[in-house]
Structure formats: C-alpha cells, structure tokens
C-alpha atoms as a PDB file:
ATOM      1  CA  MET A   1     -69.614 118.546 -32.400  1.00  0.00           C
ATOM      2  CA  LYS A   2     -70.738 117.263 -35.753  1.00  0.00           C
ATOM      3  CA  THR A   3     -69.737 113.795 -36.806  1.00  0.00           C
ATOM      4  CA  GLU A   4     -67.801 115.007 -39.865  1.00  0.00           C
ATOM      5  CA  THR A   5     -65.816 117.474 -37.778  1.00  0.00           C
ATOM      6  CA  ALA A   6     -64.997 114.764 -35.233  1.00  0.00           C
ATOM      7  CA  ARG A   7     -63.883 112.446 -38.028  1.00  0.00           C
ATOM      8  CA  ARG A   8     -61.603 115.124 -39.473  1.00  0.00           C
ATOM      9  CA  MET A   9     -60.190 115.843 -36.036  1.00  0.00           C
ATOM     10  CA  ARG A  10     -59.429 112.152 -35.454  1.00  0.00           C
ATOM     11  CA  LYS A  11     -57.775 111.919 -38.857  1.00  0.00           C
ATOM     12  CA  SER A  12     -55.637 115.019 -38.392  1.00  0.00           C
ATOM     13  CA  GLY A  13     -54.731 113.936 -34.858  1.00  0.00           C
ATOM     14  CA  PHE A  14     -53.602 110.541 -36.113  1.00  0.00           C
ATOM     15  CA  ARG A  15     -51.518 112.160 -38.855  1.00  0.00           C
ATOM     16  CA  THR A  16     -49.929 114.519 -36.344  1.00  0.00           C
ATOM     17  CA  MET A  17     -49.104 111.598 -34.046  1.00  0.00           C
ATOM     18  CA  MET A  18     -47.478 109.708 -36.909  1.00  0.00           C
ATOM     19  CA  ALA A  19     -45.491 112.810 -37.885  1.00  0.00           C
ATOM     20  CA  GLY A  20     -44.273 113.080 -34.292  1.00  0.00           C
ATOM     21  CA  VAL A  21     -43.208 109.438 -34.219  1.00  0.00           C
ATOM     22  CA  ALA A  22     -41.443 109.859 -37.560  1.00  0.00           C
ATOM     23  CA  GLY A  23     -39.695 112.981 -36.264  1.00  0.00           C
ATOM     24  CA  VAL A  24     -38.396 111.184 -33.198  1.00  0.00           C
ATOM     25  CA  VAL A  25     -37.198 108.227 -35.270  1.00  0.00           C
ATOM     26  CA  ILE A  26     -35.494 110.495 -37.820  1.00  0.00           C
ATOM     27  CA  CYS A  27     -33.728 112.478 -35.086  1.00  0.00           C
ATOM     28  CA  VAL A  28     -32.577 109.538 -32.961  1.00  0.00           C
ATOM     29  CA  THR A  29     -31.597 106.979 -35.626  1.00  0.00           C
ATOM     30  CA  PRO A  30     -28.404 108.706 -36.900  1.00  0.00           C
ATOM     31  CA  ILE A  31     -26.792 108.867 -33.454  1.00  0.00           C
ATOM     32  CA  LEU A  32     -27.740 105.254 -32.746  1.00  0.00           C
ATOM     33  CA  LEU A  33     -26.212 104.125 -36.025  1.00  0.00           C
ATOM     34  CA  TYR A  34     -23.090 106.158 -35.329  1.00  0.00           C
ATOM     35  CA  MET A  35     -22.750 104.603 -31.862  1.00  0.00           C
ATOM     36  CA  ASN A  36     -23.002 101.100 -33.311  1.00  0.00           C
ATOM     37  CA  PHE A  37     -21.024 101.440 -36.550  1.00  0.00           C
ATOM     38  CA  GLY A  38     -18.949 104.621 -36.230  1.00  0.00           C
ATOM     39  CA  PRO A  39     -15.380 104.963 -35.016  1.00  0.00           C
ATOM     40  CA  ALA A  40     -14.759 104.479 -31.323  1.00  0.00           C
ATOM     41  CA  ASP A  41     -12.908 107.779 -30.943  1.00  0.00           C
ATOM     42  CA  GLY A  42     -15.410 109.879 -32.904  1.00  0.00           C
ATOM     43  CA  ASN A  43     -17.146 112.996 -31.635  1.00  0.00           C
ATOM     44  CA  PRO A  44     -20.543 113.381 -33.350  1.00  0.00           C
ATOM     45  CA  ILE A  45     -21.510 116.879 -32.161  1.00  0.00           C
ATOM     46  CA  GLY A  46     -23.982 117.489 -34.975  1.00  0.00           C
ATOM     47  CA  LEU A  47     -25.758 114.174 -34.522  1.00  0.00           C
ATOM     48  CA  GLY A  48     -26.053 114.760 -30.789  1.00  0.00           C
ATOM     49  CA  LEU A  49     -27.508 118.219 -31.342  1.00  0.00           C
ATOM     50  CA  LEU A  50     -29.974 116.797 -33.851  1.00  0.00           C
ATOM     51  CA  MET A  51     -31.167 114.278 -31.288  1.00  0.00           C
ATOM     52  CA  VAL A  52     -31.305 116.726 -28.368  1.00  0.00           C
ATOM     53  CA  LEU A  53     -33.158 119.441 -30.288  1.00  0.00           C
ATOM     54  CA  GLY A  54     -35.285 117.377 -32.662  1.00  0.00           C
ATOM     55  CA  ALA A  55     -36.579 114.543 -30.519  1.00  0.00           C
ATOM     56  CA  PRO A  56     -38.461 116.786 -28.040  1.00  0.00           C
ATOM     57  CA  LEU A  57     -40.186 118.517 -30.959  1.00  0.00           C
ATOM     58  CA  GLY A  58     -41.347 115.135 -32.173  1.00  0.00           C
ATOM     59  CA  VAL A  59     -42.640 114.275 -28.709  1.00  0.00           C
ATOM     60  CA  VAL A  60     -44.563 117.575 -28.569  1.00  0.00           C
ATOM     61  CA  ALA A  61     -46.119 116.810 -31.970  1.00  0.00           C
ATOM     62  CA  LEU A  62     -47.015 113.334 -30.742  1.00  0.00           C
ATOM     63  CA  ALA A  63     -48.715 114.742 -27.645  1.00  0.00           C
ATOM     64  CA  ALA A  64     -50.617 117.371 -29.640  1.00  0.00           C
ATOM     65  CA  GLY A  65     -51.806 114.723 -32.074  1.00  0.00           C
ATOM     66  CA  LEU A  66     -52.929 112.521 -29.217  1.00  0.00           C
ATOM     67  CA  VAL A  67     -54.971 115.372 -27.756  1.00  0.00           C
ATOM     68  CA  LEU A  68     -56.604 116.088 -31.132  1.00  0.00           C
ATOM     69  CA  TRP A  69     -57.335 112.422 -31.683  1.00  0.00           C
ATOM     70  CA  LEU A  70     -58.880 112.006 -28.237  1.00  0.00           C
ATOM     71  CA  ILE A  71     -61.045 115.117 -28.653  1.00  0.00           C
ATOM     72  CA  GLY A  72     -62.278 113.814 -31.989  1.00  0.00           C
ATOM     73  CA  LYS A  73     -62.881 110.340 -30.639  1.00  0.00           C
ATOM     74  CA  TYR A  74     -64.742 111.297 -27.479  1.00  0.00           C
ATOM     75  CA  SER A  75     -66.703 114.317 -28.656  1.00  0.00           C
ATOM     76  CA  LEU A  76     -70.448 114.193 -28.028  1.00  0.00           C
ATOM     77  CA  ASP A  77     -71.678 113.402 -31.539  1.00  0.00           C
ATOM     78  CA  GLY A  78     -68.503 111.666 -32.704  1.00  0.00           C
ATOM     79  CA  ALA A  79     -68.407 108.939 -30.076  1.00  0.00           C
ATOM     80  CA  GLY A  80     -67.988 105.453 -31.367  1.00  0.00           C
END
C-alpha cells in the first residue's frame, strides 16, 4: 500500500473512531443527566430508547474506525 493511501486510511479511521465516541457520548449523556437531576418518579422512555438504539451504533463506528486505523498504521509501506 502506498504511503499516502495509508496516511489517508489512518486519518479517516481516526475520524471515524472520534465520531463513534461522540455518538456514544451524545446518546448516553441525556439519560445520565435525567437520572441525576430529573424527577424521581419520571419515566424517560425516549431517552432510554435513544441510549439503547444509539449507543451500539456509536460502538460499531468506533470499531470500524479502529480497524481502518490499524490497517493504515500497519500496512506494508505505511509502517511507522
């Protein structure tokens, strides 16, 4: 693999990992804030669904970005 291609792959993998982390944080933070500051007898169905459906998508994006980053980092010509 050419060095420029490996560099682009590392960069896009890192961006995908950061997007995955941001997705998980964005999906989990509202329910955590509600648990700490919301009413004790509340029933946050929407926030729970956001966490349950959104957080795994963020984890998948994080894993895909990690794979891209590792391929770019350890390719034959792009090592180092």
